[in-house]
């Protein structure tokens, strides 16, 4: 009862691996209760696989529609933390929904996979929003930095020390915390503080696993964000 309530959001008609995986990883990380919110277009497909899932209105193409905002805000009011796990699909209505949700909900929100793609194309709301965490690839971080007009561009050839310096400067100026992997290290950046944790193997789904873990640790230690996110790595 005291281990936190996490809401996982994601999925579309053509894929729901990210929210389904995040559900399992969040339980493994120690969340007290995990709920999943999916677009209702996939109710028949995943009803047996995820009987605990809740559903919100979808577009004709099977992604979340703007009408899903009411269900999303209601479910979020129950939760201590939100993980938008991805597999949202490419849809303009979903983009409007996510922007509205980021504006209206004031609690912890973690974004990963293609949820990050939505905010990198129009980052103004995200860059000024407190209690926001981005678990993203280096290429996504590069696009975010370009959209935010940072003075120094992200380069794939960047060494670890220069990336640490970049993350320090970025999170000092902008609100979101950042978790990114580069050169076999996962870096955590919060309000100018940066840590790095060596990872042994290259995991193709590291973002979903990591986002689930950090979401759980963060909601369980809301006043110690940097320590919680760093501890979640080990």
C-alpha atoms as a PDB file:
ATOM      1  CA  UNK A   1       0.000   0.000   0.000  1.00  0.00           C
ATOM      2  CA  UNK A   2       2.951   2.332   0.554  1.00  0.00           C
ATOM      3  CA  UNK A   3       5.039   1.285  -2.472  1.00  0.00           C
ATOM      4  CA  UNK A   4       3.352   3.665  -4.919  1.00  0.00           C
ATOM      5  CA  UNK A   5       0.739   3.599  -7.658  1.00  0.00           C
ATOM      6  CA  UNK A   6       2.059   3.784 -11.227  1.00  0.00           C
ATOM      7  CA  UNK A   7      -0.018   4.397 -14.355  1.00  0.00           C
ATOM      8  CA  UNK A   8       1.482   3.084 -17.603  1.00  0.00           C
ATOM      9  CA  UNK A   9       0.152   4.688 -20.802  1.00  0.00           C
ATOM     10  CA  UNK A  10       0.812   3.655 -24.389  1.00  0.00           C
ATOM     11  CA  UNK A  11       0.031   1.357 -27.266  1.00  0.00           C
ATOM     12  CA  UNK A  12      -1.792   1.571 -30.566  1.00  0.00           C
ATOM     13  CA  UNK A  13      -3.605  -0.848 -32.857  1.00  0.00           C
ATOM     14  CA  UNK A  14      -0.347  -2.077 -34.377  1.00  0.00           C
ATOM     15  CA  UNK A  15       1.769  -2.440 -31.253  1.00  0.00           C
ATOM     16  CA  UNK A  16       1.571  -2.566 -27.478  1.00  0.00           C
ATOM     17  CA  UNK A  17       4.845  -4.229 -26.483  1.00  0.00           C
ATOM     18  CA  UNK A  18       6.139  -1.108 -24.723  1.00  0.00           C
ATOM     19  CA  UNK A  19       3.266  -0.631 -22.237  1.00  0.00           C
ATOM     20  CA  UNK A  20       2.935  -4.388 -21.710  1.00  0.00           C
ATOM     21  CA  UNK A  21       6.661  -4.683 -21.012  1.00  0.00           C
ATOM     22  CA  UNK A  22       6.660  -1.608 -18.790  1.00  0.00           C
ATOM     23  CA  UNK A  23       3.855  -3.135 -16.720  1.00  0.00           C
ATOM     24  CA  UNK A  24       5.962  -6.194 -15.918  1.00  0.00           C
ATOM     25  CA  UNK A  25       9.191  -4.267 -15.350  1.00  0.00           C
ATOM     26  CA  UNK A  26       7.460  -1.817 -13.009  1.00  0.00           C
ATOM     27  CA  UNK A  27       6.079  -4.645 -10.892  1.00  0.00           C
ATOM     28  CA  UNK A  28       9.549  -6.212 -10.788  1.00  0.00           C
ATOM     29  CA  UNK A  29      11.033  -2.851  -9.729  1.00  0.00           C
ATOM     30  CA  UNK A  30       8.753  -2.832  -6.690  1.00  0.00           C
ATOM     31  CA  UNK A  31       5.731  -0.705  -7.554  1.00  0.00           C
ATOM     32  CA  UNK A  32       2.847  -1.256  -5.146  1.00  0.00           C
ATOM     33  CA  UNK A  33       0.156  -1.138  -7.841  1.00  0.00           C
ATOM     34  CA  UNK A  34       0.447  -0.764 -11.617  1.00  0.00           C
ATOM     35  CA  UNK A  35      -2.407   0.107 -13.959  1.00  0.00           C
ATOM     36  CA  UNK A  36      -2.257   0.274 -17.758  1.00  0.00           C
ATOM     37  CA  UNK A  37      -4.243   2.622 -20.002  1.00  0.00           C
ATOM     38  CA  UNK A  38      -4.501   1.624 -23.665  1.00  0.00           C
ATOM     39  CA  UNK A  39      -6.497   2.885 -26.674  1.00  0.00           C
ATOM     40  CA  UNK A  40      -9.806   1.038 -26.928  1.00  0.00           C
ATOM     41  CA  UNK A  41      -9.021  -0.064 -30.500  1.00  0.00           C
ATOM     42  CA  UNK A  42      -6.905  -2.885 -29.059  1.00  0.00           C
ATOM     43  CA  UNK A  43      -9.309  -4.031 -26.361  1.00  0.00           C
ATOM     44  CA  UNK A  44     -10.154  -7.276 -28.189  1.00  0.00           C
ATOM     45  CA  UNK A  45      -6.495  -8.017 -28.898  1.00  0.00           C
ATOM     46  CA  UNK A  46      -5.050  -7.547 -25.425  1.00  0.00           C
ATOM     47  CA  UNK A  47      -8.044  -8.277 -23.217  1.00  0.00           C
ATOM     48  CA  UNK A  48      -6.749 -11.747 -22.418  1.00  0.00           C
ATOM     49  CA  UNK A  49      -3.070 -10.762 -22.207  1.00  0.00           C
ATOM     50  CA  UNK A  50      -3.647  -7.745 -19.950  1.00  0.00           C
ATOM     51  CA  UNK A  51      -6.993  -8.268 -18.226  1.00  0.00           C
ATOM     52  CA  UNK A  52      -6.124  -5.470 -15.783  1.00  0.00           C
ATOM     53  CA  UNK A  53      -5.941  -2.846 -18.550  1.00  0.00           C
ATOM     54  CA  UNK A  54      -8.196   0.191 -18.814  1.00  0.00           C
ATOM     55  CA  UNK A  55      -9.093   1.822 -22.117  1.00  0.00           C
ATOM     56  CA  UNK A  56      -9.593   5.288 -23.559  1.00  0.00           C
ATOM     57  CA  UNK A  57     -11.048   6.508 -26.893  1.00  0.00           C
ATOM     58  CA  UNK A  58      -8.971   5.925 -29.988  1.00  0.00           C
ATOM     59  CA  UNK A  59      -8.729   7.347 -33.492  1.00  0.00           C
ATOM     60  CA  UNK A  60      -9.876   5.359 -36.551  1.00  0.00           C
ATOM     61  CA  UNK A  61      -6.228   4.367 -37.053  1.00  0.00           C
ATOM     62  CA  UNK A  62      -6.025   2.930 -33.525  1.00  0.00           C
ATOM     63  CA  UNK A  63      -4.020   5.529 -31.577  1.00  0.00           C
ATOM     64  CA  UNK A  64      -5.203   7.604 -28.622  1.00  0.00           C
ATOM     65  CA  UNK A  65      -7.615  10.350 -29.715  1.00  0.00           C
ATOM     66  CA  UNK A  66      -8.098  13.790 -28.189  1.00  0.00           C
ATOM     67  CA  UNK A  67     -11.225  12.427 -26.503  1.00  0.00           C
ATOM     68  CA  UNK A  68      -8.991  10.237 -24.327  1.00  0.00           C
ATOM     69  CA  UNK A  69      -7.916  13.247 -22.245  1.00  0.00           C
ATOM     70  CA  UNK A  70     -10.735  12.851 -19.712  1.00  0.00           C
ATOM     71  CA  UNK A  71      -9.913   9.180 -19.029  1.00  0.00           C
ATOM     72  CA  UNK A  72      -6.199   9.965 -18.918  1.00  0.00           C
ATOM     73  CA  UNK A  73      -6.615  12.762 -16.380  1.00  0.00           C
ATOM     74  CA  UNK A  74      -8.964  10.661 -14.244  1.00  0.00           C
ATOM     75  CA  UNK A  75      -6.549   7.725 -14.181  1.00  0.00           C
ATOM     76  CA  UNK A  76      -3.645  10.082 -13.475  1.00  0.00           C
ATOM     77  CA  UNK A  77      -5.421  11.536 -10.450  1.00  0.00           C
ATOM     78  CA  UNK A  78      -5.285   8.029  -8.931  1.00  0.00           C
ATOM     79  CA  UNK A  79      -1.573   7.559  -9.629  1.00  0.00           C
ATOM     80  CA  UNK A  80       1.577   8.706  -7.836  1.00  0.00           C
ATOM     81  CA  UNK A  81       3.525   8.534 -11.089  1.00  0.00           C
ATOM     82  CA  UNK A  82       2.830   8.293 -14.834  1.00  0.00           C
ATOM     83  CA  UNK A  83       4.931   6.407 -17.383  1.00  0.00           C
ATOM     84  CA  UNK A  84       4.119   7.131 -21.025  1.00  0.00           C
ATOM     85  CA  UNK A  85       5.874   4.024 -22.280  1.00  0.00           C
ATOM     86  CA  UNK A  86       5.553   4.497 -26.027  1.00  0.00           C
ATOM     87  CA  UNK A  87       4.191   2.601 -29.032  1.00  0.00           C
ATOM     88  CA  UNK A  88       1.794   5.529 -29.422  1.00  0.00           C
ATOM     89  CA  UNK A  89       1.945   5.492 -33.206  1.00  0.00           C
ATOM     90  CA  UNK A  90       2.208   8.532 -35.460  1.00  0.00           C
ATOM     91  CA  UNK A  91      -0.965  10.553 -35.135  1.00  0.00           C
ATOM     92  CA  UNK A  92      -1.693  14.283 -34.924  1.00  0.00           C
ATOM     93  CA  UNK A  93      -4.559  13.718 -32.446  1.00  0.00           C
ATOM     94  CA  UNK A  94      -2.243  11.811 -30.127  1.00  0.00           C
ATOM     95  CA  UNK A  95       0.237  14.692 -30.327  1.00  0.00           C
ATOM     96  CA  UNK A  96      -2.477  17.160 -29.269  1.00  0.00           C
ATOM     97  CA  UNK A  97      -3.571  14.788 -26.490  1.00  0.00           C
ATOM     98  CA  UNK A  98      -0.048  14.474 -25.098  1.00  0.00           C
ATOM     99  CA  UNK A  99       0.508  18.227 -25.203  1.00  0.00           C
ATOM    100  CA  UNK A 100      -2.775  18.835 -23.352  1.00  0.00           C
ATOM    101  CA  UNK A 101      -1.946  16.167 -20.789  1.00  0.00           C
ATOM    102  CA  UNK A 102       1.493  17.613 -20.080  1.00  0.00           C
ATOM    103  CA  UNK A 103      -0.129  21.003 -19.557  1.00  0.00           C
ATOM    104  CA  UNK A 104      -3.038  19.898 -17.362  1.00  0.00           C
ATOM    105  CA  UNK A 105      -1.449  17.200 -15.172  1.00  0.00           C
ATOM    106  CA  UNK A 106       0.940  18.518 -12.531  1.00  0.00           C
ATOM    107  CA  UNK A 107       2.434  15.280 -11.178  1.00  0.00           C
ATOM    108  CA  UNK A 108       5.396  13.108 -12.132  1.00  0.00           C
ATOM    109  CA  UNK A 109       5.488  12.086 -15.809  1.00  0.00           C
ATOM    110  CA  UNK A 110       8.146   9.895 -17.412  1.00  0.00           C
ATOM    111  CA  UNK A 111       8.300   9.788 -21.234  1.00  0.00           C
ATOM    112  CA  UNK A 112      10.187   7.274 -23.345  1.00  0.00           C
ATOM    113  CA  UNK A 113      10.394   5.773 -26.839  1.00  0.00           C
ATOM    114  CA  UNK A 114       8.121   7.517 -29.377  1.00  0.00           C
ATOM    115  CA  UNK A 115       6.456   9.568 -26.623  1.00  0.00           C
ATOM    116  CA  UNK A 116       9.749  11.488 -26.587  1.00  0.00           C
ATOM    117  CA  UNK A 117       9.529  11.979 -30.369  1.00  0.00           C
ATOM    118  CA  UNK A 118       6.282  13.862 -29.882  1.00  0.00           C
ATOM    119  CA  UNK A 119       7.839  16.341 -27.457  1.00  0.00           C
ATOM    120  CA  UNK A 120      11.138  16.809 -29.310  1.00  0.00           C
ATOM    121  CA  UNK A 121       9.261  18.191 -32.320  1.00  0.00           C
ATOM    122  CA  UNK A 122       7.521  20.795 -30.141  1.00  0.00           C
ATOM    123  CA  UNK A 123       9.387  20.964 -26.817  1.00  0.00           C
ATOM    124  CA  UNK A 124       8.253  24.305 -25.353  1.00  0.00           C
ATOM    125  CA  UNK A 125       5.773  22.812 -22.863  1.00  0.00           C
ATOM    126  CA  UNK A 126       8.101  19.994 -21.847  1.00  0.00           C
ATOM    127  CA  UNK A 127      11.184  22.172 -21.362  1.00  0.00           C
ATOM    128  CA  UNK A 128       9.363  24.372 -18.844  1.00  0.00           C
ATOM    129  CA  UNK A 129       7.425  21.610 -17.058  1.00  0.00           C
ATOM    130  CA  UNK A 130       8.592  20.474 -13.572  1.00  0.00           C
ATOM    131  CA  UNK A 131       8.363  16.794 -12.556  1.00  0.00           C
ATOM    132  CA  UNK A 132       9.178  15.602 -16.062  1.00  0.00           C
ATOM    133  CA  UNK A 133      11.645  12.836 -16.899  1.00  0.00           C
ATOM    134  CA  UNK A 134      12.849  11.883 -20.382  1.00  0.00           C
ATOM    135  CA  UNK A 135      14.382   8.439 -20.945  1.00  0.00           C
ATOM    136  CA  UNK A 136      15.703   8.786 -24.458  1.00  0.00           C
ATOM    137  CA  UNK A 137      18.269   7.746 -27.022  1.00  0.00           C
ATOM    138  CA  UNK A 138      21.213   9.922 -27.977  1.00  0.00           C
ATOM    139  CA  UNK A 139      19.607  10.726 -31.338  1.00  0.00           C
ATOM    140  CA  UNK A 140      16.450  11.876 -29.555  1.00  0.00           C
ATOM    141  CA  UNK A 141      18.557  13.992 -27.219  1.00  0.00           C
ATOM    142  CA  UNK A 142      20.268  15.473 -30.263  1.00  0.00           C
ATOM    143  CA  UNK A 143      16.893  16.467 -31.774  1.00  0.00           C
ATOM    144  CA  UNK A 144      15.723  17.870 -28.437  1.00  0.00           C
ATOM    145  CA  UNK A 145      18.862  19.965 -28.119  1.00  0.00           C
ATOM    146  CA  UNK A 146      18.411  21.305 -31.648  1.00  0.00           C
ATOM    147  CA  UNK A 147      14.758  22.185 -30.989  1.00  0.00           C
ATOM    148  CA  UNK A 148      15.734  23.854 -27.702  1.00  0.00           C
ATOM    149  CA  UNK A 149      18.449  25.812 -29.545  1.00  0.00           C
ATOM    150  CA  UNK A 150      21.223  24.782 -27.188  1.00  0.00           C
ATOM    151  CA  UNK A 151      24.538  26.535 -27.924  1.00  0.00           C
ATOM    152  CA  UNK A 152      26.452  23.248 -28.264  1.00  0.00           C
ATOM    153  CA  UNK A 153      25.078  20.487 -30.504  1.00  0.00           C
ATOM    154  CA  UNK A 154      24.994  16.833 -29.467  1.00  0.00           C
ATOM    155  CA  UNK A 155      27.340  14.682 -31.577  1.00  0.00           C
ATOM    156  CA  UNK A 156      27.575  10.899 -31.694  1.00  0.00           C
ATOM    157  CA  UNK A 157      31.367  11.278 -31.531  1.00  0.00           C
ATOM    158  CA  UNK A 158      31.081  13.214 -28.262  1.00  0.00           C
ATOM    159  CA  UNK A 159      33.130  11.708 -25.449  1.00  0.00           C
ATOM    160  CA  UNK A 160      31.624  10.976 -22.060  1.00  0.00           C
ATOM    161  CA  UNK A 161      33.037  14.028 -20.276  1.00  0.00           C
ATOM    162  CA  UNK A 162      31.694  16.430 -22.903  1.00  0.00           C
ATOM    163  CA  UNK A 163      28.256  14.798 -22.729  1.00  0.00           C
ATOM    164  CA  UNK A 164      28.282  15.079 -18.923  1.00  0.00           C
ATOM    165  CA  UNK A 165      29.079  18.778 -19.291  1.00  0.00           C
ATOM    166  CA  UNK A 166      26.292  19.195 -21.870  1.00  0.00           C
ATOM    167  CA  UNK A 167      23.754  17.459 -19.610  1.00  0.00           C
ATOM    168  CA  UNK A 168      24.838  19.591 -16.659  1.00  0.00           C
ATOM    169  CA  UNK A 169      24.225  22.771 -18.659  1.00  0.00           C
ATOM    170  CA  UNK A 170      20.962  21.547 -20.214  1.00  0.00           C
ATOM    171  CA  UNK A 171      19.328  20.451 -16.970  1.00  0.00           C
ATOM    172  CA  UNK A 172      20.488  23.609 -15.209  1.00  0.00           C
ATOM    173  CA  UNK A 173      18.591  25.724 -17.752  1.00  0.00           C
ATOM    174  CA  UNK A 174      15.616  23.448 -18.481  1.00  0.00           C
ATOM    175  CA  UNK A 175      13.196  21.637 -16.166  1.00  0.00           C
ATOM    176  CA  UNK A 176      13.143  17.996 -17.396  1.00  0.00           C
ATOM    177  CA  UNK A 177      15.462  15.400 -15.940  1.00  0.00           C
ATOM    178  CA  UNK A 178      17.241  13.213 -18.483  1.00  0.00           C
ATOM    179  CA  UNK A 179      18.314   9.571 -18.662  1.00  0.00           C
ATOM    180  CA  UNK A 180      20.369   8.669 -21.757  1.00  0.00           C
ATOM    181  CA  UNK A 181      22.807   5.922 -22.780  1.00  0.00           C
ATOM    182  CA  UNK A 182      26.137   6.615 -24.469  1.00  0.00           C
ATOM    183  CA  UNK A 183      29.385   4.662 -24.756  1.00  0.00           C
ATOM    184  CA  UNK A 184      28.100   1.793 -22.579  1.00  0.00           C
ATOM    185  CA  UNK A 185      27.091   4.166 -19.798  1.00  0.00           C
ATOM    186  CA  UNK A 186      23.666   5.285 -18.653  1.00  0.00           C
ATOM    187  CA  UNK A 187      23.750   8.915 -17.582  1.00  0.00           C
ATOM    188  CA  UNK A 188      21.269  10.541 -15.210  1.00  0.00           C
ATOM    189  CA  UNK A 189      20.965  14.338 -15.164  1.00  0.00           C
ATOM    190  CA  UNK A 190      18.793  16.271 -12.682  1.00  0.00           C
ATOM    191  CA  UNK A 191      19.046  20.015 -12.026  1.00  0.00           C
ATOM    192  CA  UNK A 192      22.664  20.146 -13.122  1.00  0.00           C
ATOM    193  CA  UNK A 193      23.762  17.012 -11.251  1.00  0.00           C
ATOM    194  CA  UNK A 194      24.986  14.150 -13.445  1.00  0.00           C
ATOM    195  CA  UNK A 195      25.828  10.531 -12.650  1.00  0.00           C
ATOM    196  CA  UNK A 196      26.970   7.717 -14.921  1.00  0.00           C
ATOM    197  CA  UNK A 197      26.549   3.976 -14.471  1.00  0.00           C
ATOM    198  CA  UNK A 198      28.462   1.451 -16.563  1.00  0.00           C
ATOM    199  CA  UNK A 199      26.269  -1.130 -18.324  1.00  0.00           C
ATOM    200  CA  UNK A 200      27.612  -4.533 -19.292  1.00  0.00           C
ATOM    201  CA  UNK A 201      25.590  -5.360 -22.399  1.00  0.00           C
ATOM    202  CA  UNK A 202      23.708  -3.545 -25.141  1.00  0.00           C
ATOM    203  CA  UNK A 203      20.001  -4.134 -24.518  1.00  0.00           C
ATOM    204  CA  UNK A 204      17.737  -3.179 -27.463  1.00  0.00           C
ATOM    205  CA  UNK A 205      14.824  -2.459 -25.129  1.00  0.00           C
ATOM    206  CA  UNK A 206      16.844  -0.658 -22.458  1.00  0.00           C
ATOM    207  CA  UNK A 207      14.602   2.424 -22.605  1.00  0.00           C
ATOM    208  CA  UNK A 208      11.435   0.599 -21.534  1.00  0.00           C
ATOM    209  CA  UNK A 209      13.201  -1.336 -18.764  1.00  0.00           C
ATOM    210  CA  UNK A 210      15.017   1.724 -17.517  1.00  0.00           C
ATOM    211  CA  UNK A 211      11.964   3.990 -17.732  1.00  0.00           C
ATOM    212  CA  UNK A 212       9.941   1.518 -15.669  1.00  0.00           C
ATOM    213  CA  UNK A 213      12.643   1.240 -13.016  1.00  0.00           C
ATOM    214  CA  UNK A 214      13.284   4.961 -12.676  1.00  0.00           C
ATOM    215  CA  UNK A 215       9.549   5.738 -12.627  1.00  0.00           C
ATOM    216  CA  UNK A 216       9.074   3.418  -9.664  1.00  0.00           C
ATOM    217  CA  UNK A 217      12.098   4.654  -7.699  1.00  0.00           C
ATOM    218  CA  UNK A 218      11.207   8.275  -8.415  1.00  0.00           C
ATOM    219  CA  UNK A 219       7.609   7.984  -7.201  1.00  0.00           C
ATOM    220  CA  UNK A 220       8.831   6.195  -4.069  1.00  0.00           C
ATOM    221  CA  UNK A 221      11.389   8.959  -3.334  1.00  0.00           C
ATOM    222  CA  UNK A 222       9.790  12.107  -4.793  1.00  0.00           C
ATOM    223  CA  UNK A 223      11.968  14.556  -2.868  1.00  0.00           C
ATOM    224  CA  UNK A 224      15.262  12.861  -3.804  1.00  0.00           C
ATOM    225  CA  UNK A 225      14.996  12.687  -7.583  1.00  0.00           C
ATOM    226  CA  UNK A 226      18.702  12.542  -8.452  1.00  0.00           C
ATOM    227  CA  UNK A 227      19.492   9.892  -5.839  1.00  0.00           C
ATOM    228  CA  UNK A 228      16.424   7.830  -6.764  1.00  0.00           C
ATOM    229  CA  UNK A 229      17.111   7.808 -10.500  1.00  0.00           C
ATOM    230  CA  UNK A 230      20.772   7.002  -9.995  1.00  0.00           C
ATOM    231  CA  UNK A 231      20.013   4.210  -7.509  1.00  0.00           C
ATOM    232  CA  UNK A 232      17.513   2.699  -9.953  1.00  0.00           C
ATOM    233  CA  UNK A 233      20.394   2.029 -12.358  1.00  0.00           C
ATOM    234  CA  UNK A 234      21.977  -0.466  -9.969  1.00  0.00           C
END
